[in-house]
Amino acid sequence: MRLRLDITKLDHKLSVAGQISIDDITEIATAGYRSIICNRPDYEGGGNQPGSEELEAAAKLLGITFVYLPIRIGSIPTERAEAFQKLMIELPKPVLAFCGSGMRATALYGMTQQNVQGDPEAQESVVATCDWDNAFDVVVVGGGSAGIGVTASLLKRRPTLRIAIIEPSGKHYYQPAWTLVGAGAYDIAETVKSMADIIPRNAEWIQIAASGFDPEHNRVHLSDGRVIGYRQLIVCPGIRLAWEKIEGLEETLGKNGVTSNYQYDLAPYTWSLVKELKAGKAIFTQPPMPIKCAGAPQKAMYLSCDHWMRAQCLENMDVEFNTATAVLFGVADFVPPLMDYVRRYHAKLVFNSNLVKVDGNKKIAYFENKGNDGTVTLEAKPFDMLHVTPSQVAPDFLRNSPLADSGGFCKVNEKTLQHTDYPNVFSLGDACSSPNTKTATAARKQIVVVAENLLAAKEDRELTAFYDGYGACPLTVENGKVILAEFGFGGKLLPTFPLDPTVPRKLNWFLKTTVFPWIYWNGMLKGKEWFACPGKLR
């Protein structure tokens, strides 16, 4: 009888398969299998598969012996191989062993074929050979927009690739909408989905944090001690919000008038503060670069001021924007229209001013101000509302690895996004060293470049796709209007539409609030590369 399942017969006693369902058990019984070994841990990959207890109950009804022997992805402990070998002696034959893809069951079979009983050196050798080196064609570190998007694009091109995504979080967030949430213009619940629903169907989700890289041996180390092997690696774990760099901030976030649209649970608090505040001092901050979405700190100011203006209380507000940078925005073409709104809202700009300490109980913010002569002075400023953009750094496990550049980010050729030292490593998103703006729109373009170049490298072809530094920053200057800033390396304007990009438009607001989120969830994360064609190297 031919089964729906893709079953591989290893010998007359044992066959292996990928994940089975409740419905498959009837066919397994009809095919003559008398025992089933489950090597996949329950709820691995987000819980999409049936639990072992459900499968066992269904198997017993059909007279099949069912054994749960979970093997986590990574090095296979010797005692698990010994337990598997014992089962193969005791269980009624033939036996069907399964896991997510059949690879772990196959590796266990290989271990049982070696005579390791009473031989510690042989045991050590077996464990080493089962470190899962090259078990995955591609390992993707990070399940954010870059990681999910590039995985989907790769599987669209090569459905047979074995890809693992290393991502500890059970949630996936659409962060570009948090600025809108902080202005009461978007529902926070619409910005989050279960990671299990986002992971591409044919990818393996390893829900644990990465702890380090060993590119000389093509390995990723996990925080629980496991080691994952790869043929090619994609590094995109994002950027870390370093709240701890501002003294006293972590203790007062979410209370005492201190908030940030850079965190899911704080964006609604921003809107609560804006609504309730009718008079007083509102301070908005921006730290030194790099940060993700460099326009977001001032977007929070513009939308807050727009609300206060509509509520006819802006004249009672003292609004101040303190930025550690020397300019309002990094692309000069957009500064004049932004300055029009700064004047419209009567906001004070303070350049070269970096927030270093917050006393939440006393509602005082401390700034280090750098003068023209290089001297630094400390200034205390009272506030009624403080919107903080935290300092941001590369994740520690990347910064302390051989893959990092001097700034801690993954060192790549800025055009091909291939690592400059390890040709089987690529990087994109906020964690890569390319000098572009760190935005989801940048990742959308980078995804295609990495997908095409990684496959070219895999097939020993010349890398031809190149990244032009594209990034977009929809600057929400008022509720209902957006300046759609699109640009590439060197501040070159790269507008998608044949319209003056420096003009605030209602159309852009519609794109920001409606079209872009839809494209994100239904296009970018599903391998649909709309408006993302890369350039080609000659």
Protein backbone atom coordinates (compact mmCIF):
# COMPACT_ATOMS: atom_id res chain seq x y z
CA MET A 1 0.00 0.00 0.00
CA ARG A 2 1.27 3.46 -0.87
CA LEU A 3 1.03 6.00 1.97
CA ARG A 4 0.51 9.73 1.90
CA LEU A 5 3.53 9.96 4.15
CA ASP A 6 7.00 10.17 2.68
CA ILE A 7 8.48 7.11 4.40
CA THR A 8 12.09 5.99 4.03
CA LYS A 9 12.87 2.32 4.76
CA LEU A 10 16.26 2.01 6.47
CA ASP A 11 16.17 -1.79 6.91
CA HIS A 12 13.60 -4.56 7.32
CA LYS A 13 12.99 -3.50 10.93
CA LEU A 14 12.94 0.29 10.78
CA SER A 15 11.52 3.06 8.59
CA VAL A 16 11.56 6.81 9.24
CA ALA A 17 9.27 9.69 8.32
CA GLY A 18 8.57 13.32 8.97
CA GLN A 19 5.77 14.56 11.22
CA ILE A 20 2.69 12.33 11.21
CA SER A 21 -0.93 13.28 11.88
CA ILE A 22 -3.76 11.47 13.66
CA ASP A 23 -5.23 10.55 10.27
CA ASP A 24 -1.94 8.98 9.14
CA ILE A 25 -2.03 6.30 11.86
CA THR A 26 -4.74 4.26 10.15
CA GLU A 27 -2.62 4.11 6.99
CA ILE A 28 0.48 3.26 9.06
CA ALA A 29 -1.37 0.35 10.66
CA THR A 30 -2.71 -0.84 7.31
CA ALA A 31 0.83 -0.82 5.91
CA GLY A 32 1.84 -3.30 8.60
CA TYR A 33 3.80 -1.20 11.09
CA ARG A 34 3.44 -2.55 14.63
CA SER A 35 5.28 0.17 16.57
CA ILE A 36 5.78 3.95 16.35
CA ILE A 37 8.59 5.93 17.97
CA CYS A 38 8.00 9.67 18.29
CA ASN A 39 11.33 11.53 18.27
CA ARG A 40 9.85 15.02 17.94
CA PRO A 41 9.32 16.92 21.23
CA ASP A 42 5.77 18.05 21.88
CA TYR A 43 5.05 21.66 20.87
CA GLU A 44 8.31 22.01 18.97
CA GLY A 45 7.91 24.73 16.35
CA GLY A 46 4.97 26.39 18.09
CA GLY A 47 2.66 23.45 18.69
CA ASN A 48 1.30 22.96 15.16
CA GLN A 49 1.75 19.18 15.37
CA PRO A 50 -0.51 16.83 17.40
CA GLY A 51 0.78 15.97 20.86
CA SER A 52 2.32 12.60 21.67
CA GLU A 53 -0.57 11.70 23.99
CA GLU A 54 -3.10 12.22 21.18
CA LEU A 55 -1.04 10.13 18.79
CA GLU A 56 -0.53 7.39 21.38
CA ALA A 57 -4.26 7.15 22.05
CA ALA A 58 -5.00 6.81 18.33
CA ALA A 59 -2.23 4.23 17.89
CA LYS A 60 -3.44 2.04 20.79
CA LEU A 61 -6.94 1.89 19.30
CA LEU A 62 -5.36 0.21 16.27
CA GLY A 63 -3.11 -2.10 18.26
CA ILE A 64 0.11 -0.19 17.58
CA THR A 65 2.72 0.24 20.31
CA PHE A 66 3.62 3.93 20.69
CA VAL A 67 6.75 5.26 22.44
CA TYR A 68 7.66 8.89 23.09
CA LEU A 69 11.44 9.41 22.89
CA PRO A 70 11.89 13.15 22.20
CA ILE A 71 15.14 14.36 20.64
CA ARG A 72 15.75 18.08 20.48
CA ILE A 73 17.43 19.49 17.40
CA GLY A 74 21.18 19.61 17.95
CA SER A 75 23.70 17.13 19.36
CA ILE A 76 22.11 13.77 20.18
CA PRO A 77 23.10 12.57 23.68
CA THR A 78 24.55 9.07 23.84
CA GLU A 79 21.94 7.95 26.38
CA ARG A 80 19.18 8.78 23.88
CA ALA A 81 20.88 6.66 21.23
CA GLU A 82 21.17 3.82 23.74
CA ALA A 83 17.47 4.15 24.61
CA PHE A 84 16.62 4.02 20.91
CA GLN A 85 18.77 0.93 20.44
CA LYS A 86 17.02 -0.76 23.37
CA LEU A 87 13.62 0.05 21.87
CA MET A 88 14.66 -1.47 18.56
CA ILE A 89 15.38 -4.72 20.42
CA GLU A 90 12.17 -4.76 22.47
CA LEU A 91 9.46 -3.26 20.24
CA PRO A 92 7.27 -5.30 17.87
CA LYS A 93 8.58 -4.99 14.33
CA PRO A 94 8.48 -3.30 11.89
CA VAL A 95 8.91 0.11 13.55
CA LEU A 96 8.22 3.58 12.16
CA ALA A 97 10.22 6.38 13.82
CA PHE A 98 9.38 10.02 13.08
CA CYS A 99 10.38 13.58 13.93
CA GLY A 100 9.89 16.91 12.17
CA SER A 101 11.61 15.79 8.99
CA GLY A 102 12.95 12.31 9.71
CA MET A 103 16.54 13.52 10.12
CA ARG A 104 16.79 12.88 13.87
CA ALA A 105 15.28 9.41 13.53
CA THR A 106 17.77 8.67 10.77
CA ALA A 107 20.67 9.96 12.89
CA LEU A 108 19.58 7.73 15.79
CA TYR A 109 19.58 4.74 13.46
CA GLY A 110 23.10 5.61 12.34
CA MET A 111 24.27 5.79 15.94
CA THR A 112 22.81 2.38 16.77
CA GLN A 113 24.74 0.81 13.92
CA GLN A 114 28.03 1.61 15.64
CA ASN A 115 29.36 -0.53 18.42
CA VAL A 116 29.67 2.03 21.19
CA GLN A 117 28.85 -0.12 24.21
CA GLY A 118 31.60 0.19 26.80
CA ASP A 119 33.82 2.30 24.52
CA PRO A 120 33.92 5.97 25.74
CA GLU A 121 36.07 7.11 22.82
CA ALA A 122 33.64 5.62 20.32
CA GLN A 123 30.72 7.20 22.20
CA GLU A 124 32.41 10.60 22.04
CA SER A 125 33.01 10.12 18.33
CA VAL A 126 29.34 9.30 17.71
CA VAL A 127 28.16 12.40 19.53
CA ALA A 128 30.59 14.54 17.54
CA THR A 129 29.39 13.15 14.23
CA CYS A 130 25.81 13.91 15.20
CA ASP A 131 26.37 17.59 15.96
CA TRP A 132 24.10 18.24 12.98
CA ASP A 133 26.85 19.85 10.93
CA ASN A 134 25.33 20.40 7.50
CA ALA A 135 22.00 18.93 8.66
CA PHE A 136 20.38 22.16 7.50
CA ASP A 137 21.01 23.66 4.12
CA VAL A 138 20.40 27.11 5.61
CA VAL A 139 20.20 28.31 9.20
CA VAL A 140 18.51 31.69 9.72
CA VAL A 141 19.25 33.40 13.02
CA GLY A 142 16.33 35.71 13.79
CA GLY A 143 12.58 35.49 13.24
CA GLY A 144 11.85 39.17 12.63
CA SER A 145 10.79 40.70 9.35
CA ALA A 146 14.17 39.97 7.73
CA GLY A 147 14.40 36.36 8.93
CA ILE A 148 10.85 35.33 8.08
CA GLY A 149 10.89 37.21 4.79
CA VAL A 150 14.15 35.76 3.51
CA THR A 151 13.12 32.25 4.55
CA ALA A 152 9.85 32.56 2.65
CA SER A 153 11.66 33.91 -0.42
CA LEU A 154 14.23 31.10 -0.37
CA LEU A 155 11.55 28.41 -0.04
CA LYS A 156 9.62 29.99 -2.87
CA ARG A 157 12.71 29.61 -5.07
CA ARG A 158 13.85 26.20 -3.73
CA PRO A 159 11.01 24.39 -1.86
CA THR A 160 13.27 21.43 -1.03
CA LEU A 161 15.75 23.46 1.04
CA ARG A 162 16.01 22.39 4.68
CA ILE A 163 15.91 25.69 6.56
CA ALA A 164 15.94 26.24 10.32
CA ILE A 165 14.93 29.52 11.94
CA ILE A 166 16.45 30.17 15.36
CA GLU A 167 14.10 32.53 17.21
CA PRO A 168 13.21 32.47 20.93
CA SER A 169 10.13 34.71 20.84
CA GLY A 170 6.65 33.26 20.52
CA LYS A 171 5.32 36.54 19.09
CA HIS A 172 5.99 38.45 15.89
CA TYR A 173 5.43 42.22 15.83
CA TYR A 174 4.73 44.77 13.13
CA GLN A 175 6.76 47.52 14.77
CA PRO A 176 6.29 50.29 12.15
CA ALA A 177 2.72 50.79 13.44
CA TRP A 178 3.72 51.47 17.05
CA THR A 179 4.20 55.17 16.32
CA LEU A 180 0.59 55.24 15.13
CA VAL A 181 -0.51 53.36 18.26
CA GLY A 182 1.18 56.07 20.32
CA ALA A 183 -1.03 58.62 18.53
CA GLY A 184 -4.29 56.72 18.94
CA ALA A 185 -4.41 56.00 15.20
CA TYR A 186 -3.87 52.23 15.24
CA ASP A 187 -4.98 49.24 17.32
CA ILE A 188 -2.06 47.69 19.19
CA ALA A 189 -3.67 44.24 18.86
CA GLU A 190 -3.28 44.47 15.07
CA THR A 191 0.52 44.69 15.40
CA VAL A 192 1.15 41.22 16.85
CA LYS A 193 0.67 37.63 15.72
CA SER A 194 1.77 34.25 16.99
CA MET A 195 5.19 33.28 15.68
CA ALA A 196 3.81 29.80 14.96
CA ASP A 197 1.42 31.36 12.43
CA ILE A 198 4.22 33.35 10.75
CA ILE A 199 6.98 30.75 10.38
CA PRO A 200 6.95 29.45 6.77
CA ARG A 201 5.35 26.01 6.69
CA ASN A 202 8.37 24.09 5.41
CA ALA A 203 10.89 25.71 7.76
CA GLU A 204 11.99 24.23 11.10
CA TRP A 205 11.49 26.60 14.04
CA ILE A 206 14.06 26.23 16.82
CA GLN A 207 12.55 28.26 19.65
CA ILE A 208 15.63 29.11 21.66
CA ALA A 209 18.11 31.98 21.64
CA ALA A 210 21.40 31.80 19.77
CA SER A 211 24.43 32.31 22.00
CA GLY A 212 27.34 32.37 19.57
CA PHE A 213 28.79 31.56 16.17
CA ASP A 214 31.56 29.19 15.09
CA PRO A 215 31.89 30.02 11.39
CA GLU A 216 35.10 28.02 11.03
CA HIS A 217 33.07 24.86 11.68
CA ASN A 218 29.72 26.07 10.31
CA ARG A 219 27.97 25.98 13.65
CA VAL A 220 25.59 28.12 15.68
CA HIS A 221 25.62 27.68 19.46
CA LEU A 222 22.32 27.86 21.36
CA SER A 223 21.75 29.18 24.88
CA ASP A 224 20.79 25.70 26.16
CA GLY A 225 24.10 24.19 25.05
CA ARG A 226 22.98 22.69 21.76
CA VAL A 227 24.89 23.17 18.52
CA ILE A 228 23.24 23.58 15.12
CA GLY A 229 25.16 22.97 11.90
CA TYR A 230 24.64 24.66 8.57
CA ARG A 231 25.86 24.74 5.00
CA GLN A 232 24.92 28.40 4.69
CA LEU A 233 24.05 30.92 7.37
CA ILE A 234 21.86 34.04 7.36
CA VAL A 235 22.40 36.43 10.28
CA CYS A 236 19.44 38.69 11.01
CA PRO A 237 18.72 38.78 14.78
CA GLY A 238 17.85 42.48 14.72
CA ILE A 239 19.16 45.16 17.02
CA ARG A 240 18.96 45.23 20.82
CA LEU A 241 17.29 48.05 22.73
CA ALA A 242 19.89 49.01 25.35
CA TRP A 243 17.60 50.58 27.97
CA GLU A 244 20.30 50.05 30.58
CA LYS A 245 22.53 52.71 28.99
CA ILE A 246 20.25 55.41 30.45
CA GLU A 247 20.57 55.44 34.23
CA GLY A 248 17.27 55.01 36.08
CA LEU A 249 15.21 54.50 32.92
CA GLU A 250 14.24 50.85 33.34
CA GLU A 251 12.80 51.51 36.79
CA THR A 252 10.44 54.22 35.57
CA LEU A 253 9.36 53.06 32.11
CA GLY A 254 5.59 52.92 31.81
CA LYS A 255 4.96 55.26 34.75
CA ASN A 256 5.78 58.76 35.97
CA GLY A 257 5.09 60.08 32.48
CA VAL A 258 7.99 58.13 30.93
CA THR A 259 7.19 56.17 27.77
CA SER A 260 8.53 54.90 24.45
CA ASN A 261 6.94 53.82 21.18
CA TYR A 262 9.85 51.43 20.73
CA GLN A 263 8.21 48.85 22.99
CA TYR A 264 4.93 47.00 22.37
CA ASP A 265 3.40 47.49 25.81
CA LEU A 266 4.50 51.13 26.09
CA ALA A 267 3.05 52.54 22.85
CA PRO A 268 -0.53 52.58 24.31
CA TYR A 269 0.85 54.40 27.36
CA THR A 270 2.21 57.09 25.02
CA TRP A 271 -1.29 57.73 23.72
CA SER A 272 -2.68 57.75 27.26
CA LEU A 273 -0.18 60.45 28.25
CA VAL A 274 -0.82 62.53 25.13
CA LYS A 275 -4.59 62.45 25.67
CA GLU A 276 -4.41 63.38 29.33
CA LEU A 277 -1.77 66.10 29.10
CA LYS A 278 -3.30 69.55 28.57
CA ALA A 279 -0.37 71.69 29.69
CA GLY A 280 3.26 71.22 30.67
CA LYS A 281 6.66 70.14 29.41
CA ALA A 282 6.94 67.31 26.86
CA ILE A 283 10.41 66.10 25.92
CA PHE A 284 11.19 63.74 23.04
CA THR A 285 14.65 62.18 22.71
CA GLN A 286 16.86 60.58 20.09
CA PRO A 287 20.13 58.76 20.97
CA PRO A 288 23.31 58.41 18.89
CA MET A 289 23.10 56.32 15.72
CA PRO A 290 22.53 53.60 14.77
CA ILE A 291 18.89 53.11 15.69
CA LYS A 292 16.06 51.42 13.87
CA CYS A 293 13.74 53.80 12.05
CA ALA A 294 15.69 56.99 12.61
CA GLY A 295 12.59 59.10 11.93
CA ALA A 296 10.46 57.47 14.64
CA PRO A 297 11.62 59.70 17.53
CA GLN A 298 10.42 62.86 15.78
CA LYS A 299 7.29 61.15 14.43
CA ALA A 300 6.19 60.73 18.04
CA MET A 301 6.65 64.47 18.56
CA TYR A 302 4.76 65.50 15.41
CA LEU A 303 1.73 63.31 16.10
CA SER A 304 1.57 64.35 19.75
CA CYS A 305 1.74 68.02 18.79
CA ASP A 306 -0.92 67.51 16.14
CA HIS A 307 -3.26 66.11 18.78
CA TRP A 308 -2.55 68.98 21.16
CA MET A 309 -3.15 71.45 18.35
CA ARG A 310 -6.49 69.82 17.48
CA ALA A 311 -7.39 69.79 21.18
CA GLN A 312 -6.54 73.54 21.29
CA CYS A 313 -4.01 73.16 24.06
CA LEU A 314 -0.74 73.31 22.12
CA GLU A 315 -0.16 76.89 23.30
CA ASN A 316 -0.04 75.52 26.85
CA MET A 317 2.62 72.97 25.94
CA ASP A 318 6.40 73.38 26.03
CA VAL A 319 7.65 70.85 23.47
CA GLU A 320 11.31 69.99 23.09
CA PHE A 321 13.16 67.55 20.84
CA ASN A 322 16.60 66.56 22.13
CA THR A 323 18.76 64.63 19.67
CA ALA A 324 22.30 63.37 20.11
CA THR A 325 22.87 64.00 16.40
CA ALA A 326 23.80 67.30 14.76
CA VAL A 327 20.92 67.35 12.25
CA LEU A 328 17.17 66.86 12.28
CA PHE A 329 17.19 64.22 9.52
CA GLY A 330 20.03 62.48 7.70
CA VAL A 331 18.78 63.20 4.15
CA ALA A 332 18.99 66.93 3.50
CA ASP A 333 16.09 67.09 1.00
CA PHE A 334 13.58 66.33 3.74
CA VAL A 335 14.82 68.81 6.33
CA PRO A 336 13.01 71.93 4.98
CA PRO A 337 9.48 70.39 5.04
CA LEU A 338 10.19 68.91 8.47
CA MET A 339 11.34 72.29 9.75
CA ASP A 340 8.01 73.74 8.57
CA TYR A 341 6.27 71.38 11.00
CA VAL A 342 8.75 72.09 13.79
CA ARG A 343 7.83 75.77 13.49
CA ARG A 344 4.14 74.97 13.13
CA TYR A 345 4.17 73.13 16.44
CA HIS A 346 6.45 75.70 18.16
CA ALA A 347 8.85 72.91 19.13
CA LYS A 348 12.35 73.59 20.37
CA LEU A 349 15.20 71.63 18.78
CA VAL A 350 18.28 70.82 20.84
CA PHE A 351 21.10 69.17 18.88
CA ASN A 352 24.06 67.19 20.29
CA SER A 353 22.02 66.50 23.42
CA ASN A 354 21.97 62.90 24.69
CA LEU A 355 19.71 61.58 27.46
CA VAL A 356 21.87 59.80 30.08
CA LYS A 357 19.72 59.63 33.23
CA VAL A 358 16.09 59.75 34.31
CA ASP A 359 14.74 60.41 37.80
CA GLY A 360 11.17 59.24 37.35
CA ASN A 361 9.93 60.09 40.84
CA LYS A 362 11.10 63.68 40.56
CA LYS A 363 10.33 63.83 36.82
CA ILE A 364 13.75 65.12 35.86
CA ALA A 365 15.71 64.11 32.75
CA TYR A 366 19.47 64.60 32.53
CA PHE A 367 21.19 65.34 29.23
CA GLU A 368 24.83 65.50 28.19
CA ASN A 369 25.17 68.48 25.86
CA LYS A 370 28.17 68.70 23.56
CA GLY A 371 29.30 72.22 22.73
CA ASN A 372 30.92 73.46 19.53
CA ASP A 373 34.30 73.27 21.20
CA GLY A 374 33.77 69.64 22.19
CA THR A 375 33.12 70.27 25.86
CA VAL A 376 30.32 68.24 27.46
CA THR A 377 28.02 69.62 30.13
CA LEU A 378 25.24 67.96 32.13
CA GLU A 379 21.82 69.62 32.13
CA ALA A 380 18.77 68.66 34.22
CA LYS A 381 15.35 69.24 32.66
CA PRO A 382 12.01 68.74 34.42
CA PHE A 383 9.22 67.13 32.39
CA ASP A 384 5.59 66.16 32.51
CA MET A 385 5.95 63.70 29.66
CA LEU A 386 9.17 62.08 28.44
CA HIS A 387 9.24 60.00 25.26
CA VAL A 388 12.49 58.06 25.17
CA THR A 389 14.21 56.44 22.23
CA PRO A 390 16.72 54.04 23.77
CA SER A 391 20.29 53.49 22.64
CA GLN A 392 20.54 50.46 20.36
CA VAL A 393 23.35 47.96 19.88
CA ALA A 394 24.07 44.70 18.09
CA PRO A 395 23.10 41.59 20.09
CA ASP A 396 25.89 40.43 22.40
CA PHE A 397 26.24 36.98 20.81
CA LEU A 398 26.88 38.65 17.44
CA ARG A 399 29.04 41.50 18.71
CA ASN A 400 31.38 39.06 20.48
CA SER A 401 31.67 36.68 17.54
CA PRO A 402 34.10 36.36 14.59
CA LEU A 403 31.31 37.58 12.29
CA ALA A 404 31.21 41.09 13.76
CA ASP A 405 32.85 44.28 12.55
CA SER A 406 34.32 46.88 14.91
CA GLY A 407 30.82 48.18 15.70
CA GLY A 408 29.49 44.75 16.57
CA PHE A 409 27.34 44.26 13.46
CA CYS A 410 27.66 41.42 10.96
CA LYS A 411 30.39 42.43 8.51
CA VAL A 412 29.12 42.30 4.93
CA ASN A 413 29.77 43.67 1.49
CA GLU A 414 27.17 46.45 1.42
CA LYS A 415 26.06 45.60 -2.12
CA THR A 416 25.97 41.78 -2.14
CA LEU A 417 25.27 41.40 1.63
CA GLN A 418 27.72 38.50 1.70
CA HIS A 419 30.11 38.30 4.65
CA THR A 420 33.53 39.62 3.74
CA ASP A 421 35.40 36.77 5.47
CA TYR A 422 33.01 33.80 5.29
CA PRO A 423 31.42 33.37 1.83
CA ASN A 424 28.72 30.97 3.08
CA VAL A 425 27.40 33.64 5.48
CA PHE A 426 24.98 36.42 4.55
CA SER A 427 23.30 39.08 6.65
CA LEU A 428 20.43 41.53 6.34
CA GLY A 429 18.14 43.66 8.45
CA ASP A 430 19.14 45.71 11.48
CA ALA A 431 22.05 43.43 12.45
CA CYS A 432 24.09 43.78 9.26
CA SER A 433 26.83 46.36 8.80
CA SER A 434 25.48 47.86 5.57
CA PRO A 435 25.31 51.65 6.09
CA ASN A 436 21.61 51.98 5.28
CA THR A 437 18.70 53.04 7.45
CA LYS A 438 17.54 50.24 9.71
CA THR A 439 13.91 49.84 8.63
CA ALA A 440 11.55 47.05 7.56
CA THR A 441 11.47 48.60 4.09
CA ALA A 442 15.24 48.21 3.82
CA ALA A 443 14.89 44.56 4.80
CA ARG A 444 12.20 44.11 2.13
CA LYS A 445 14.75 45.01 -0.56
CA GLN A 446 17.61 43.14 1.10
CA ILE A 447 15.59 39.92 1.25
CA VAL A 448 15.65 39.50 -2.52
CA VAL A 449 19.36 40.29 -2.75
CA VAL A 450 20.25 37.72 -0.09
CA ALA A 451 17.90 35.06 -1.52
CA GLU A 452 19.36 35.37 -5.02
CA ASN A 453 22.99 35.70 -3.96
CA LEU A 454 22.85 32.89 -1.39
CA LEU A 455 21.52 30.48 -4.01
CA ALA A 456 24.12 31.70 -6.50
CA ALA A 457 26.85 31.00 -3.94
CA LYS A 458 25.32 27.60 -3.17
CA GLU A 459 25.36 26.66 -6.86
CA ASP A 460 28.82 28.15 -7.42
CA ARG A 461 27.50 30.90 -9.66
CA GLU A 462 28.57 34.53 -9.75
CA LEU A 463 26.71 36.86 -7.37
CA THR A 464 24.80 39.33 -9.53
CA ALA A 465 22.10 40.89 -7.31
CA PHE A 466 23.08 44.09 -5.51
CA TYR A 467 21.52 46.28 -2.83
CA ASP A 468 21.41 50.03 -3.48
CA GLY A 469 20.86 51.06 0.13
CA TYR A 470 17.12 51.57 -0.30
CA GLY A 471 15.18 52.47 2.81
CA ALA A 472 11.92 54.27 3.43
CA CYS A 473 10.79 56.37 6.35
CA PRO A 474 7.11 57.41 6.23
CA LEU A 475 7.36 60.61 8.31
CA THR A 476 3.97 61.08 9.99
CA VAL A 477 4.04 64.85 10.33
CA GLU A 478 0.35 65.10 11.26
CA ASN A 479 -2.63 62.81 11.67
CA GLY A 480 -3.68 62.27 8.05
CA LYS A 481 -0.50 63.31 6.24
CA VAL A 482 2.86 61.66 5.66
CA ILE A 483 6.11 62.63 3.96
CA LEU A 484 7.21 59.39 2.27
CA ALA A 485 10.99 59.61 2.45
CA GLU A 486 12.62 56.98 0.23
CA PHE A 487 16.36 57.05 -0.33
CA GLY A 488 19.47 54.94 -0.80
CA PHE A 489 23.19 55.11 -0.15
CA GLY A 490 24.54 58.64 0.07
CA GLY A 491 21.05 60.09 0.57
CA LYS A 492 20.09 59.52 -3.07
CA LEU A 493 16.32 59.91 -3.47
CA LEU A 494 14.65 56.70 -4.65
CA PRO A 495 10.91 57.47 -4.83
CA THR A 496 8.59 54.65 -5.83
CA PHE A 497 5.97 56.99 -7.25
CA PRO A 498 6.42 59.91 -9.72
CA LEU A 499 5.50 62.50 -7.07
CA ASP A 500 7.56 65.05 -5.17
CA PRO A 501 8.62 62.95 -2.15
CA THR A 502 9.15 65.99 0.09
CA VAL A 503 5.44 66.97 0.05
CA PRO A 504 3.18 65.70 2.87
CA ARG A 505 0.27 63.76 1.36
CA LYS A 506 -2.99 62.11 2.45
CA LEU A 507 -2.21 59.31 -0.01
CA ASN A 508 0.93 58.49 1.95
CA TRP A 509 -1.11 58.31 5.17
CA PHE A 510 -3.36 55.72 3.51
CA LEU A 511 -0.27 53.78 2.44
CA LYS A 512 1.21 53.97 5.93
CA THR A 513 -1.90 52.95 7.85
CA THR A 514 -3.55 50.51 5.44
CA VAL A 515 -1.49 49.37 2.46
CA PHE A 516 1.93 48.84 4.07
CA PRO A 517 0.66 46.65 6.95
CA TRP A 518 -1.30 44.51 4.49
CA ILE A 519 1.73 44.09 2.23
CA TYR A 520 3.85 43.19 5.27
CA TRP A 521 1.63 40.39 6.57
CA ASN A 522 0.41 39.08 3.21
CA GLY A 523 3.35 39.77 0.93
CA MET A 524 6.75 40.32 2.51
CA LEU A 525 6.43 37.53 5.09
CA LYS A 526 5.08 35.09 2.50
CA GLY A 527 7.80 35.41 -0.12
CA LYS A 528 5.94 37.82 -2.41
CA GLU A 529 8.51 40.33 -3.56
CA TRP A 530 6.37 43.23 -4.74
CA PHE A 531 8.38 46.36 -5.62
CA ALA A 532 11.54 44.65 -4.41
CA CYS A 533 13.50 43.77 -7.55
CA PRO A 534 17.24 44.15 -6.90
CA GLY A 535 19.76 45.76 -9.16
CA LYS A 536 22.14 43.56 -11.15
CA LEU A 537 25.92 43.72 -11.00
CA ARG A 538 27.64 43.73 -14.34
